[in-house]
Amino acid sequence: SYPQEVQGVVLVDALYPGIIKKPEDFPLMTRWAKN
């Protein structure tokens, strides 16, 4: 969003786009545990 403000980036075992499903696709038990 603001590349002009960034000198560098360190990603520590980061999440990336597409790795996590849409919340409606989470298993029912996982949705229950999340809440």
PDB file of all heavy atoms in Angstrom:
ATOM      1  N   SER A   1       0.817  -1.211   0.000  1.00  0.00           N
ATOM      2  CA  SER A   1       0.000   0.000   0.000  1.00  0.00           C
ATOM      3  C   SER A   1       0.852   1.262   0.000  1.00  0.00           C
ATOM      4  O   SER A   1       0.496   2.267  -0.644  1.00  0.00           O
ATOM      5  CB  SER A   1      -0.923   0.009   1.232  1.00  0.00           C
ATOM      6  OG  SER A   1      -1.785  -1.102   1.236  1.00  0.00           O
ATOM      7  N   TYR A   2       1.977   1.230   0.720  1.00  0.00           N
ATOM      8  CA  TYR A   2       2.829   2.417   0.877  1.00  0.00           C
ATOM      9  C   TYR A   2       4.296   2.051   0.679  1.00  0.00           C
ATOM     10  O   TYR A   2       5.112   2.174   1.605  1.00  0.00           O
ATOM     11  CB  TYR A   2       2.607   3.036   2.264  1.00  0.00           C
ATOM     12  CG  TYR A   2       1.176   3.424   2.523  1.00  0.00           C
ATOM     13  CD1 TYR A   2       0.351   2.625   3.320  1.00  0.00           C
ATOM     14  CD2 TYR A   2       0.637   4.573   1.946  1.00  0.00           C
ATOM     15  CE1 TYR A   2      -0.980   2.974   3.544  1.00  0.00           C
ATOM     16  CE2 TYR A   2      -0.693   4.929   2.165  1.00  0.00           C
ATOM     17  CZ  TYR A   2      -1.493   4.124   2.961  1.00  0.00           C
ATOM     18  OH  TYR A   2      -2.814   4.463   3.173  1.00  0.00           O
ATOM     19  N   PRO A   3       4.666   1.609  -0.510  1.00  0.00           N
ATOM     20  CA  PRO A   3       6.062   1.165  -0.729  1.00  0.00           C
ATOM     21  C   PRO A   3       7.086   2.261  -0.495  1.00  0.00           C
ATOM     22  O   PRO A   3       8.227   1.973  -0.109  1.00  0.00           O
ATOM     23  CB  PRO A   3       6.057   0.709  -2.199  1.00  0.00           C
ATOM     24  CG  PRO A   3       4.882   1.407  -2.815  1.00  0.00           C
ATOM     25  CD  PRO A   3       3.858   1.512  -1.730  1.00  0.00           C
ATOM     26  N   GLN A   4       6.692   3.513  -0.691  1.00  0.00           N
ATOM     27  CA  GLN A   4       7.618   4.637  -0.505  1.00  0.00           C
ATOM     28  C   GLN A   4       7.978   4.837   0.961  1.00  0.00           C
ATOM     29  O   GLN A   4       8.938   5.546   1.277  1.00  0.00           O
ATOM     30  CB  GLN A   4       7.030   5.921  -1.086  1.00  0.00           C
ATOM     31  CG  GLN A   4       5.870   6.516  -0.297  1.00  0.00           C
ATOM     32  CD  GLN A   4       4.526   5.850  -0.557  1.00  0.00           C
ATOM     33  OE1 GLN A   4       4.432   4.847  -1.259  1.00  0.00           O
ATOM     34  NE2 GLN A   4       3.473   6.426   0.003  1.00  0.00           N
ATOM     35  N   GLU A   5       7.235   4.212   1.872  1.00  0.00           N
ATOM     36  CA  GLU A   5       7.492   4.362   3.306  1.00  0.00           C
ATOM     37  C   GLU A   5       8.276   3.183   3.892  1.00  0.00           C
ATOM     38  O   GLU A   5       8.513   3.149   5.094  1.00  0.00           O
ATOM     39  CB  GLU A   5       6.157   4.497   4.060  1.00  0.00           C
ATOM     40  CG  GLU A   5       5.362   5.722   3.670  1.00  0.00           C
ATOM     41  CD  GLU A   5       4.072   5.857   4.466  1.00  0.00           C
ATOM     42  OE1 GLU A   5       3.847   5.032   5.379  1.00  0.00           O
ATOM     43  OE2 GLU A   5       3.292   6.783   4.177  1.00  0.00           O
ATOM     44  N   VAL A   6       8.667   2.239   3.056  1.00  0.00           N
ATOM     45  CA  VAL A   6       9.214   0.978   3.553  1.00  0.00           C
ATOM     46  C   VAL A   6      10.668   0.811   3.123  1.00  0.00           C
ATOM     47  O   VAL A   6      10.987   0.837   1.933  1.00  0.00           O
ATOM     48  CB  VAL A   6       8.372  -0.214   3.059  1.00  0.00           C
ATOM     49  CG1 VAL A   6       8.950  -1.530   3.574  1.00  0.00           C
ATOM     50  CG2 VAL A   6       6.926  -0.061   3.508  1.00  0.00           C
ATOM     51  N   GLN A   7      11.535   0.618   4.104  1.00  0.00           N
ATOM     52  CA  GLN A   7      12.950   0.338   3.834  1.00  0.00           C
ATOM     53  C   GLN A   7      13.187  -1.141   3.594  1.00  0.00           C
ATOM     54  O   GLN A   7      14.087  -1.519   2.845  1.00  0.00           O
ATOM     55  CB  GLN A   7      13.809   0.813   5.009  1.00  0.00           C
ATOM     56  CG  GLN A   7      15.300   0.574   4.825  1.00  0.00           C
ATOM     57  CD  GLN A   7      16.124   1.175   5.944  1.00  0.00           C
ATOM     58  OE1 GLN A   7      15.700   2.131   6.585  1.00  0.00           O
ATOM     59  NE2 GLN A   7      17.303   0.632   6.184  1.00  0.00           N
ATOM     60  N   GLY A   8      12.400  -1.989   4.230  1.00  0.00           N
ATOM     61  CA  GLY A   8      12.563  -3.427   4.057  1.00  0.00           C
ATOM     62  C   GLY A   8      11.500  -4.172   4.845  1.00  0.00           C
ATOM     63  O   GLY A   8      10.787  -3.594   5.666  1.00  0.00           O
ATOM     64  N   VAL A   9      11.401  -5.482   4.581  1.00  0.00           N
ATOM     65  CA  VAL A   9      10.384  -6.321   5.215  1.00  0.00           C
ATOM     66  C   VAL A   9      11.007  -7.626   5.673  1.00  0.00           C
ATOM     67  O   VAL A   9      11.803  -8.238   4.943  1.00  0.00           O
ATOM     68  CB  VAL A   9       9.228  -6.629   4.234  1.00  0.00           C
ATOM     69  CG1 VAL A   9       8.168  -7.504   4.901  1.00  0.00           C
ATOM     70  CG2 VAL A   9       8.600  -5.346   3.706  1.00  0.00           C
ATOM     71  N   VAL A  10      10.659  -8.056   6.883  1.00  0.00           N
ATOM     72  CA  VAL A  10      11.043  -9.380   7.387  1.00  0.00           C
ATOM     73  C   VAL A  10       9.756 -10.123   7.737  1.00  0.00           C
ATOM     74  O   VAL A  10       8.981  -9.664   8.575  1.00  0.00           O
ATOM     75  CB  VAL A  10      11.952  -9.284   8.627  1.00  0.00           C
ATOM     76  CG1 VAL A  10      12.247 -10.684   9.177  1.00  0.00           C
ATOM     77  CG2 VAL A  10      13.246  -8.561   8.288  1.00  0.00           C
ATOM     78  N   LEU A  11       9.547 -11.260   7.094  1.00  0.00           N
ATOM     79  CA  LEU A  11       8.356 -12.074   7.318  1.00  0.00           C
ATOM     80  C   LEU A  11       8.744 -13.289   8.147  1.00  0.00           C
ATOM     81  O   LEU A  11       9.540 -14.120   7.709  1.00  0.00           O
ATOM     82  CB  LEU A  11       7.738 -12.501   5.990  1.00  0.00           C
ATOM     83  CG  LEU A  11       7.316 -11.351   5.062  1.00  0.00           C
ATOM     84  CD1 LEU A  11       6.766 -11.905   3.754  1.00  0.00           C
ATOM     85  CD2 LEU A  11       6.305 -10.440   5.742  1.00  0.00           C
ATOM     86  N   VAL A  12       8.193 -13.378   9.350  1.00  0.00           N
ATOM     87  CA  VAL A  12       8.559 -14.417  10.311  1.00  0.00           C
ATOM     88  C   VAL A  12       7.479 -15.507  10.297  1.00  0.00           C
ATOM     89  O   VAL A  12       6.426 -15.352  10.909  1.00  0.00           O
ATOM     90  CB  VAL A  12       8.724 -13.828  11.722  1.00  0.00           C
ATOM     91  CG1 VAL A  12       9.200 -14.903  12.707  1.00  0.00           C
ATOM     92  CG2 VAL A  12       9.704 -12.652  11.707  1.00  0.00           C
ATOM     93  N   ASP A  13       7.740 -16.589   9.552  1.00  0.00           N
ATOM     94  CA  ASP A  13       6.769 -17.668   9.369  1.00  0.00           C
ATOM     95  C   ASP A  13       5.386 -17.082   9.121  1.00  0.00           C
ATOM     96  O   ASP A  13       4.412 -17.380   9.820  1.00  0.00           O
ATOM     97  CB  ASP A  13       6.758 -18.607  10.575  1.00  0.00           C
ATOM     98  CG  ASP A  13       6.433 -20.046  10.169  1.00  0.00           C
ATOM     99  OD1 ASP A  13       6.667 -20.413   9.003  1.00  0.00           O
ATOM    100  OD2 ASP A  13       5.921 -20.803  11.011  1.00  0.00           O
ATOM    101  N   ALA A  14       5.321 -16.250   8.090  1.00  0.00           N
ATOM    102  CA  ALA A  14       4.147 -15.417   7.841  1.00  0.00           C
ATOM    103  C   ALA A  14       3.032 -16.178   7.136  1.00  0.00           C
ATOM    104  O   ALA A  14       3.246 -17.227   6.514  1.00  0.00           O
ATOM    105  CB  ALA A  14       4.547 -14.209   7.000  1.00  0.00           C
ATOM    106  N   LEU A  15       1.829 -15.602   7.214  1.00  0.00           N
ATOM    107  CA  LEU A  15       0.713 -16.038   6.390  1.00  0.00           C
ATOM    108  C   LEU A  15       0.797 -15.336   5.042  1.00  0.00           C
ATOM    109  O   LEU A  15       1.275 -14.196   4.948  1.00  0.00           O
ATOM    110  CB  LEU A  15      -0.619 -15.677   7.052  1.00  0.00           C
ATOM    111  CG  LEU A  15      -1.074 -16.538   8.232  1.00  0.00           C
ATOM    112  CD1 LEU A  15      -2.447 -16.059   8.714  1.00  0.00           C
ATOM    113  CD2 LEU A  15      -1.154 -18.012   7.840  1.00  0.00           C
ATOM    114  N   TYR A  16       0.303 -16.019   4.005  1.00  0.00           N
ATOM    115  CA  TYR A  16       0.292 -15.465   2.662  1.00  0.00           C
ATOM    116  C   TYR A  16      -1.114 -15.589   2.087  1.00  0.00           C
ATOM    117  O   TYR A  16      -1.930 -16.391   2.564  1.00  0.00           O
ATOM    118  CB  TYR A  16       1.307 -16.199   1.779  1.00  0.00           C
ATOM    119  CG  TYR A  16       2.734 -16.009   2.224  1.00  0.00           C
ATOM    120  CD1 TYR A  16       3.331 -16.906   3.110  1.00  0.00           C
ATOM    121  CD2 TYR A  16       3.493 -14.936   1.772  1.00  0.00           C
ATOM    122  CE1 TYR A  16       4.642 -16.730   3.531  1.00  0.00           C
ATOM    123  CE2 TYR A  16       4.798 -14.750   2.190  1.00  0.00           C
ATOM    124  CZ  TYR A  16       5.371 -15.654   3.072  1.00  0.00           C
ATOM    125  OH  TYR A  16       6.663 -15.472   3.496  1.00  0.00           O
ATOM    126  N   PRO A  17      -1.417 -14.806   1.057  1.00  0.00           N
ATOM    127  CA  PRO A  17      -2.760 -14.872   0.463  1.00  0.00           C
ATOM    128  C   PRO A  17      -3.117 -16.288   0.018  1.00  0.00           C
ATOM    129  O   PRO A  17      -2.280 -17.019  -0.519  1.00  0.00           O
ATOM    130  CB  PRO A  17      -2.658 -13.932  -0.737  1.00  0.00           C
ATOM    131  CG  PRO A  17      -1.580 -12.974  -0.374  1.00  0.00           C
ATOM    132  CD  PRO A  17      -0.582 -13.779   0.413  1.00  0.00           C
ATOM    133  N   GLY A  18      -4.358 -16.661   0.239  1.00  0.00           N
ATOM    134  CA  GLY A  18      -4.856 -17.945  -0.232  1.00  0.00           C
ATOM    135  C   GLY A  18      -4.615 -19.110   0.699  1.00  0.00           C
ATOM    136  O   GLY A  18      -5.205 -20.190   0.511  1.00  0.00           O
ATOM    137  N   ILE A  19      -3.755 -18.942   1.692  1.00  0.00           N
ATOM    138  CA  ILE A  19      -3.428 -20.049   2.592  1.00  0.00           C
ATOM    139  C   ILE A  19      -4.619 -20.400   3.490  1.00  0.00           C
ATOM    140  O   ILE A  19      -4.913 -21.575   3.733  1.00  0.00           O
ATOM    141  CB  ILE A  19      -2.195 -19.704   3.450  1.00  0.00           C
ATOM    142  CG1 ILE A  19      -0.934 -19.660   2.579  1.00  0.00           C
ATOM    143  CG2 ILE A  19      -2.011 -20.707   4.572  1.00  0.00           C
ATOM    144  CD1 ILE A  19      -0.544 -21.004   1.990  1.00  0.00           C
ATOM    145  N   ILE A  20      -5.297 -19.397   3.993  1.00  0.00           N
ATOM    146  CA  ILE A  20      -6.429 -19.619   4.898  1.00  0.00           C
ATOM    147  C   ILE A  20      -7.736 -19.546   4.113  1.00  0.00           C
ATOM    148  O   ILE A  20      -7.959 -18.624   3.322  1.00  0.00           O
ATOM    149  CB  ILE A  20      -6.441 -18.587   6.053  1.00  0.00           C
ATOM    150  CG1 ILE A  20      -5.132 -18.659   6.824  1.00  0.00           C
ATOM    151  CG2 ILE A  20      -7.630 -18.827   6.977  1.00  0.00           C
ATOM    152  CD1 ILE A  20      -4.864 -19.994   7.499  1.00  0.00           C
ATOM    153  N   LYS A  21      -8.611 -20.505   4.348  1.00  0.00           N
ATOM    154  CA  LYS A  21      -9.893 -20.580   3.649  1.00  0.00           C
ATOM    155  C   LYS A  21     -10.822 -19.448   4.084  1.00  0.00           C
ATOM    156  O   LYS A  21     -10.589 -18.762   5.091  1.00  0.00           O
ATOM    157  CB  LYS A  21     -10.569 -21.920   3.942  1.00  0.00           C
ATOM    158  CG  LYS A  21      -9.810 -23.145   3.467  1.00  0.00           C
ATOM    159  CD  LYS A  21     -10.534 -24.406   3.902  1.00  0.00           C
ATOM    160  CE  LYS A  21      -9.783 -25.661   3.463  1.00  0.00           C
ATOM    161  NZ  LYS A  21     -10.476 -26.891   3.929  1.00  0.00           N
ATOM    162  N   LYS A  22     -11.916 -19.292   3.357  1.00  0.00           N
ATOM    163  CA  LYS A  22     -12.979 -18.392   3.781  1.00  0.00           C
ATOM    164  C   LYS A  22     -13.582 -18.939   5.069  1.00  0.00           C
ATOM    165  O   LYS A  22     -13.681 -20.154   5.249  1.00  0.00           O
ATOM    166  CB  LYS A  22     -14.048 -18.284   2.708  1.00  0.00           C
ATOM    167  CG  LYS A  22     -13.557 -17.681   1.402  1.00  0.00           C
ATOM    168  CD  LYS A  22     -14.680 -17.661   0.374  1.00  0.00           C
ATOM    169  CE  LYS A  22     -14.196 -17.062  -0.947  1.00  0.00           C
ATOM    170  NZ  LYS A  22     -15.284 -17.072  -1.971  1.00  0.00           N
ATOM    171  N   PRO A  23     -13.994 -18.068   5.988  1.00  0.00           N
ATOM    172  CA  PRO A  23     -14.488 -18.554   7.295  1.00  0.00           C
ATOM    173  C   PRO A  23     -15.685 -19.484   7.179  1.00  0.00           C
ATOM    174  O   PRO A  23     -15.850 -20.393   7.995  1.00  0.00           O
ATOM    175  CB  PRO A  23     -14.833 -17.263   8.046  1.00  0.00           C
ATOM    176  CG  PRO A  23     -14.965 -16.210   6.993  1.00  0.00           C
ATOM    177  CD  PRO A  23     -14.014 -16.605   5.906  1.00  0.00           C
ATOM    178  N   GLU A  24     -16.509 -19.285   6.153  1.00  0.00           N
ATOM    179  CA  GLU A  24     -17.667 -20.163   5.998  1.00  0.00           C
ATOM    180  C   GLU A  24     -17.280 -21.573   5.572  1.00  0.00           C
ATOM    181  O   GLU A  24     -18.095 -22.512   5.653  1.00  0.00           O
ATOM    182  CB  GLU A  24     -18.667 -19.576   4.995  1.00  0.00           C
ATOM    183  CG  GLU A  24     -18.097 -19.326   3.606  1.00  0.00           C
ATOM    184  CD  GLU A  24     -17.580 -17.912   3.419  1.00  0.00           C
ATOM    185  OE1 GLU A  24     -17.149 -17.300   4.429  1.00  0.00           O
ATOM    186  OE2 GLU A  24     -17.619 -17.423   2.272  1.00  0.00           O
ATOM    187  N   ASP A  25     -16.023 -21.736   5.140  1.00  0.00           N
ATOM    188  CA  ASP A  25     -15.539 -23.059   4.749  1.00  0.00           C
ATOM    189  C   ASP A  25     -14.779 -23.762   5.867  1.00  0.00           C
ATOM    190  O   ASP A  25     -14.290 -24.877   5.677  1.00  0.00           O
ATOM    191  CB  ASP A  25     -14.636 -22.947   3.511  1.00  0.00           C
ATOM    192  CG  ASP A  25     -15.404 -22.489   2.277  1.00  0.00           C
ATOM    193  OD1 ASP A  25     -16.621 -22.760   2.220  1.00  0.00           O
ATOM    194  OD2 ASP A  25     -14.803 -21.857   1.386  1.00  0.00           O
ATOM    195  N   PHE A  26     -14.642 -23.112   7.032  1.00  0.00           N
ATOM    196  CA  PHE A  26     -14.004 -23.767   8.178  1.00  0.00           C
ATOM    197  C   PHE A  26     -14.887 -24.925   8.650  1.00  0.00           C
ATOM    198  O   PHE A  26     -16.117 -24.833   8.605  1.00  0.00           O
ATOM    199  CB  PHE A  26     -13.844 -22.787   9.350  1.00  0.00           C
ATOM    200  CG  PHE A  26     -12.819 -21.702   9.165  1.00  0.00           C
ATOM    201  CD1 PHE A  26     -12.104 -21.570   7.985  1.00  0.00           C
ATOM    202  CD2 PHE A  26     -12.575 -20.789  10.177  1.00  0.00           C
ATOM    203  CE1 PHE A  26     -11.164 -20.568   7.820  1.00  0.00           C
ATOM    204  CE2 PHE A  26     -11.645 -19.777  10.025  1.00  0.00           C
ATOM    205  CZ  PHE A  26     -10.946 -19.666   8.841  1.00  0.00           C
ATOM    206  N   PRO A  27     -14.276 -26.007   9.112  1.00  0.00           N
ATOM    207  CA  PRO A  27     -15.069 -27.084   9.723  1.00  0.00           C
ATOM    208  C   PRO A  27     -15.872 -26.558  10.903  1.00  0.00           C
ATOM    209  O   PRO A  27     -15.457 -25.607  11.582  1.00  0.00           O
ATOM    210  CB  PRO A  27     -14.009 -28.098  10.170  1.00  0.00           C
ATOM    211  CG  PRO A  27     -12.816 -27.808   9.331  1.00  0.00           C
ATOM    212  CD  PRO A  27     -12.835 -26.330   9.081  1.00  0.00           C
ATOM    213  N   LEU A  28     -17.011 -27.163  11.147  1.00  0.00           N
ATOM    214  CA  LEU A  28     -17.896 -26.712  12.222  1.00  0.00           C
ATOM    215  C   LEU A  28     -17.178 -26.696  13.564  1.00  0.00           C
ATOM    216  O   LEU A  28     -17.319 -25.748  14.349  1.00  0.00           O
ATOM    217  CB  LEU A  28     -19.130 -27.628  12.286  1.00  0.00           C
ATOM    218  CG  LEU A  28     -20.163 -27.278  13.371  1.00  0.00           C
ATOM    219  CD1 LEU A  28     -20.706 -25.874  13.155  1.00  0.00           C
ATOM    220  CD2 LEU A  28     -21.288 -28.309  13.365  1.00  0.00           C
ATOM    221  N   MET A  29     -16.387 -27.731  13.857  1.00  0.00           N
ATOM    222  CA  MET A  29     -15.679 -27.804  15.124  1.00  0.00           C
ATOM    223  C   MET A  29     -14.666 -26.666  15.256  1.00  0.00           C
ATOM    224  O   MET A  29     -14.493 -26.096  16.344  1.00  0.00           O
ATOM    225  CB  MET A  29     -14.969 -29.157  15.261  1.00  0.00           C
ATOM    226  CG  MET A  29     -14.292 -29.369  16.612  1.00  0.00           C
ATOM    227  SD  MET A  29     -15.474 -29.400  17.976  1.00  0.00           S
ATOM    228  CE  MET A  29     -16.280 -30.977  17.669  1.00  0.00           C
ATOM    229  N   THR A  30     -14.013 -26.310  14.169  1.00  0.00           N
ATOM    230  CA  THR A  30     -13.042 -25.221  14.195  1.00  0.00           C
ATOM    231  C   THR A  30     -13.733 -23.886  14.439  1.00  0.00           C
ATOM    232  O   THR A  30     -13.236 -23.042  15.196  1.00  0.00           O
ATOM    233  CB  THR A  30     -12.253 -25.172  12.881  1.00  0.00           C
ATOM    234  OG1 THR A  30     -11.585 -26.424  12.681  1.00  0.00           O
ATOM    235  CG2 THR A  30     -11.206 -24.067  12.906  1.00  0.00           C
ATOM    236  N   ARG A  31     -14.877 -23.681  13.817  1.00  0.00           N
ATOM    237  CA  ARG A  31     -15.630 -22.450  14.050  1.00  0.00           C
ATOM    238  C   ARG A  31     -16.067 -22.344  15.511  1.00  0.00           C
ATOM    239  O   ARG A  31     -16.020 -21.266  16.113  1.00  0.00           O
ATOM    240  CB  ARG A  31     -16.854 -22.402  13.124  1.00  0.00           C
ATOM    241  CG  ARG A  31     -16.530 -21.942  11.700  1.00  0.00           C
ATOM    242  CD  ARG A  31     -17.775 -21.842  10.860  1.00  0.00           C
ATOM    243  NE  ARG A  31     -18.075 -23.130  10.226  1.00  0.00           N
ATOM    244  CZ  ARG A  31     -19.215 -23.408   9.610  1.00  0.00           C
ATOM    245  NH1 ARG A  31     -20.188 -22.510   9.588  1.00  0.00           N
ATOM    246  NH2 ARG A  31     -19.396 -24.576   9.026  1.00  0.00           N
ATOM    247  N   TRP A  32     -16.463 -23.449  16.061  1.00  0.00           N
ATOM    248  CA  TRP A  32     -16.864 -23.471  17.466  1.00  0.00           C
ATOM    249  C   TRP A  32     -15.670 -23.148  18.369  1.00  0.00           C
ATOM    250  O   TRP A  32     -15.777 -22.348  19.293  1.00  0.00           O
ATOM    251  CB  TRP A  32     -17.430 -24.848  17.796  1.00  0.00           C
ATOM    252  CG  TRP A  32     -17.759 -25.042  19.245  1.00  0.00           C
ATOM    253  CD1 TRP A  32     -18.882 -24.635  19.907  1.00  0.00           C
ATOM    254  CD2 TRP A  32     -16.930 -25.694  20.218  1.00  0.00           C
ATOM    255  NE1 TRP A  32     -18.806 -24.993  21.234  1.00  0.00           N
ATOM    256  CE2 TRP A  32     -17.627 -25.643  21.457  1.00  0.00           C
ATOM    257  CE3 TRP A  32     -15.693 -26.332  20.169  1.00  0.00           C
ATOM    258  CZ2 TRP A  32     -17.106 -26.191  22.624  1.00  0.00           C
ATOM    259  CZ3 TRP A  32     -15.166 -26.878  21.332  1.00  0.00           C
ATOM    260  CH2 TRP A  32     -15.871 -26.809  22.547  1.00  0.00           C
ATOM    261  N   ALA A  33     -14.518 -23.777  18.080  1.00  0.00           N
ATOM    262  CA  ALA A  33     -13.321 -23.559  18.894  1.00  0.00           C
ATOM    263  C   ALA A  33     -12.823 -22.120  18.766  1.00  0.00           C
ATOM    264  O   ALA A  33     -12.348 -21.523  19.747  1.00  0.00           O
ATOM    265  CB  ALA A  33     -12.225 -24.532  18.470  1.00  0.00           C
ATOM    266  N   LYS A  34     -12.937 -21.547  17.570  1.00  0.00           N
ATOM    267  CA  LYS A  34     -12.498 -20.155  17.360  1.00  0.00           C
ATOM    268  C   LYS A  34     -13.250 -19.211  18.287  1.00  0.00           C
ATOM    269  O   LYS A  34     -12.661 -18.349  18.945  1.00  0.00           O
ATOM    270  CB  LYS A  34     -12.727 -19.766  15.900  1.00  0.00           C
ATOM    271  CG  LYS A  34     -12.363 -18.324  15.564  1.00  0.00           C
ATOM    272  CD  LYS A  34     -12.903 -17.930  14.201  1.00  0.00           C
ATOM    273  CE  LYS A  34     -14.415 -17.849  14.228  1.00  0.00           C
ATOM    274  NZ  LYS A  34     -14.976 -17.363  12.951  1.00  0.00           N
ATOM    275  N   ASN A  35     -14.552 -19.364  18.359  1.00  0.00           N
ATOM    276  CA  ASN A  35     -15.365 -18.482  19.198  1.00  0.00           C
ATOM    277  C   ASN A  35     -15.202 -18.778  20.685  1.00  0.00           C
ATOM    278  O   ASN A  35     -15.466 -17.913  21.526  1.00  0.00           O
ATOM    279  CB  ASN A  35     -16.833 -18.599  18.801  1.00  0.00           C
ATOM    280  CG  ASN A  35     -17.095 -18.061  17.404  1.00  0.00           C
ATOM    281  OD1 ASN A  35     -16.526 -17.053  17.010  1.00  0.00           O
ATOM    282  ND2 ASN A  35     -17.934 -18.745  16.644  1.00  0.00           N
TER     283      ASN A  35
END
